[in-house]
Amino acid sequence: MNLIQDWRRKFPRLWSVRLALLAALLSAVEVCMNLWLTGKPPLIVIGAGLFSLCAAISRVISQPRLNDEDRS
């Protein structure tokens, strides 16, 4: 697994990263509110938050080209 070049500079500037982190944060708020009101953790919301966090992190992983046709 390789990271994209200069990922530390690019990571905070990517809008997809910002939106994925916002989605993860809002999921965490929903989990806390639901836990406080009902005492039960909503597992589907926890999963959605974790996947949002993984989506933000995956933006800095370099992905190889899928087809040889893409290379020009």
C-alpha atoms as a PDB file:
ATOM      1  CA  MET A   1       0.000   0.000   0.000  1.00  0.00           C
ATOM      2  CA  ASN A   2       1.493   3.319  -1.111  1.00  0.00           C
ATOM      3  CA  LEU A   3       0.322   6.802  -0.213  1.00  0.00           C
ATOM      4  CA  ILE A   4      -0.158   9.564  -2.772  1.00  0.00           C
ATOM      5  CA  GLN A   5       2.717  11.987  -3.184  1.00  0.00           C
ATOM      6  CA  ASP A   6       2.746  14.881  -0.734  1.00  0.00           C
ATOM      7  CA  TRP A   7      -0.329  13.509   1.052  1.00  0.00           C
ATOM      8  CA  ARG A   8       0.180  15.578   4.195  1.00  0.00           C
ATOM      9  CA  ARG A   9      -0.257  18.802   2.238  1.00  0.00           C
ATOM     10  CA  LYS A  10      -3.139  17.553   0.071  1.00  0.00           C
ATOM     11  CA  PHE A  11      -5.169  15.679   2.721  1.00  0.00           C
ATOM     12  CA  PRO A  12      -6.831  18.636   4.492  1.00  0.00           C
ATOM     13  CA  ARG A  13      -7.539  20.422   1.190  1.00  0.00           C
ATOM     14  CA  LEU A  14      -9.547  17.622  -0.453  1.00  0.00           C
ATOM     15  CA  TRP A  15     -13.282  18.346  -0.315  1.00  0.00           C
ATOM     16  CA  SER A  16     -14.169  14.663  -0.361  1.00  0.00           C
ATOM     17  CA  VAL A  17     -12.079  14.224   2.784  1.00  0.00           C
ATOM     18  CA  ARG A  18     -13.782  17.151   4.492  1.00  0.00           C
ATOM     19  CA  LEU A  19     -17.235  15.813   3.646  1.00  0.00           C
ATOM     20  CA  ALA A  20     -16.391  12.263   4.751  1.00  0.00           C
ATOM     21  CA  LEU A  21     -15.016  13.550   8.065  1.00  0.00           C
ATOM     22  CA  LEU A  22     -18.126  15.694   8.540  1.00  0.00           C
ATOM     23  CA  ALA A  23     -20.315  12.634   7.906  1.00  0.00           C
ATOM     24  CA  ALA A  24     -18.285  10.641  10.443  1.00  0.00           C
ATOM     25  CA  LEU A  25     -18.595  13.466  12.984  1.00  0.00           C
ATOM     26  CA  LEU A  26     -22.356  13.725  12.508  1.00  0.00           C
ATOM     27  CA  SER A  27     -22.665   9.948  12.885  1.00  0.00           C
ATOM     28  CA  ALA A  28     -20.742  10.171  16.156  1.00  0.00           C
ATOM     29  CA  VAL A  29     -23.107  12.907  17.378  1.00  0.00           C
ATOM     30  CA  GLU A  30     -26.099  10.756  16.436  1.00  0.00           C
ATOM     31  CA  VAL A  31     -24.625   7.767  18.294  1.00  0.00           C
ATOM     32  CA  CYS A  32     -24.045   9.875  21.421  1.00  0.00           C
ATOM     33  CA  MET A  33     -27.525  11.366  21.347  1.00  0.00           C
ATOM     34  CA  ASN A  34     -29.150   7.970  20.839  1.00  0.00           C
ATOM     35  CA  LEU A  35     -27.028   6.424  23.578  1.00  0.00           C
ATOM     36  CA  TRP A  36     -27.964   9.246  25.952  1.00  0.00           C
ATOM     37  CA  LEU A  37     -31.695   9.032  25.174  1.00  0.00           C
ATOM     38  CA  THR A  38     -32.202   5.258  24.922  1.00  0.00           C
ATOM     39  CA  GLY A  39     -29.116   3.689  26.456  1.00  0.00           C
ATOM     40  CA  LYS A  40     -28.616   1.520  23.363  1.00  0.00           C
ATOM     41  CA  PRO A  41     -25.928   2.117  20.749  1.00  0.00           C
ATOM     42  CA  PRO A  42     -27.317   2.237  17.178  1.00  0.00           C
ATOM     43  CA  LEU A  43     -25.027  -0.249  15.439  1.00  0.00           C
ATOM     44  CA  ILE A  44     -25.950   0.821  11.901  1.00  0.00           C
ATOM     45  CA  VAL A  45     -24.978   4.427  12.657  1.00  0.00           C
ATOM     46  CA  ILE A  46     -21.686   3.296  14.189  1.00  0.00           C
ATOM     47  CA  GLY A  47     -20.991   1.336  11.003  1.00  0.00           C
ATOM     48  CA  ALA A  48     -21.874   4.321   8.808  1.00  0.00           C
ATOM     49  CA  GLY A  49     -19.537   6.539  10.808  1.00  0.00           C
ATOM     50  CA  LEU A  50     -16.693   4.050  10.543  1.00  0.00           C
ATOM     51  CA  PHE A  51     -17.167   3.716   6.786  1.00  0.00           C
ATOM     52  CA  SER A  52     -17.159   7.512   6.427  1.00  0.00           C
ATOM     53  CA  LEU A  53     -13.900   7.648   8.336  1.00  0.00           C
ATOM     54  CA  CYS A  54     -12.436   4.887   6.151  1.00  0.00           C
ATOM     55  CA  ALA A  55     -13.523   6.799   3.027  1.00  0.00           C
ATOM     56  CA  ALA A  56     -11.607   9.870   4.199  1.00  0.00           C
ATOM     57  CA  ILE A  57      -8.479   7.833   4.922  1.00  0.00           C
ATOM     58  CA  SER A  58      -8.668   5.938   1.629  1.00  0.00           C
ATOM     59  CA  ARG A  59      -8.285   9.196  -0.311  1.00  0.00           C
ATOM     60  CA  VAL A  60      -4.555   9.276   0.475  1.00  0.00           C
ATOM     61  CA  ILE A  61      -3.890   5.687  -0.655  1.00  0.00           C
ATOM     62  CA  SER A  62      -2.436   5.540  -4.146  1.00  0.00           C
ATOM     63  CA  GLN A  63      -4.527   3.329  -6.417  1.00  0.00           C
ATOM     64  CA  PRO A  64      -2.967   1.646  -9.457  1.00  0.00           C
ATOM     65  CA  ARG A  65      -4.568   2.088 -12.853  1.00  0.00           C
ATOM     66  CA  LEU A  66      -7.149  -0.551 -13.640  1.00  0.00           C
ATOM     67  CA  ASN A  67      -6.669  -0.689 -17.409  1.00  0.00           C
ATOM     68  CA  ASP A  68      -3.656  -0.399 -19.638  1.00  0.00           C
ATOM     69  CA  GLU A  69      -5.801   1.776 -21.928  1.00  0.00           C
ATOM     70  CA  ASP A  70      -5.767   4.603 -19.368  1.00  0.00           C
ATOM     71  CA  ARG A  71      -2.027   5.070 -19.786  1.00  0.00           C
ATOM     72  CA  SER A  72      -1.147   7.631 -22.385  1.00  0.00           C
END
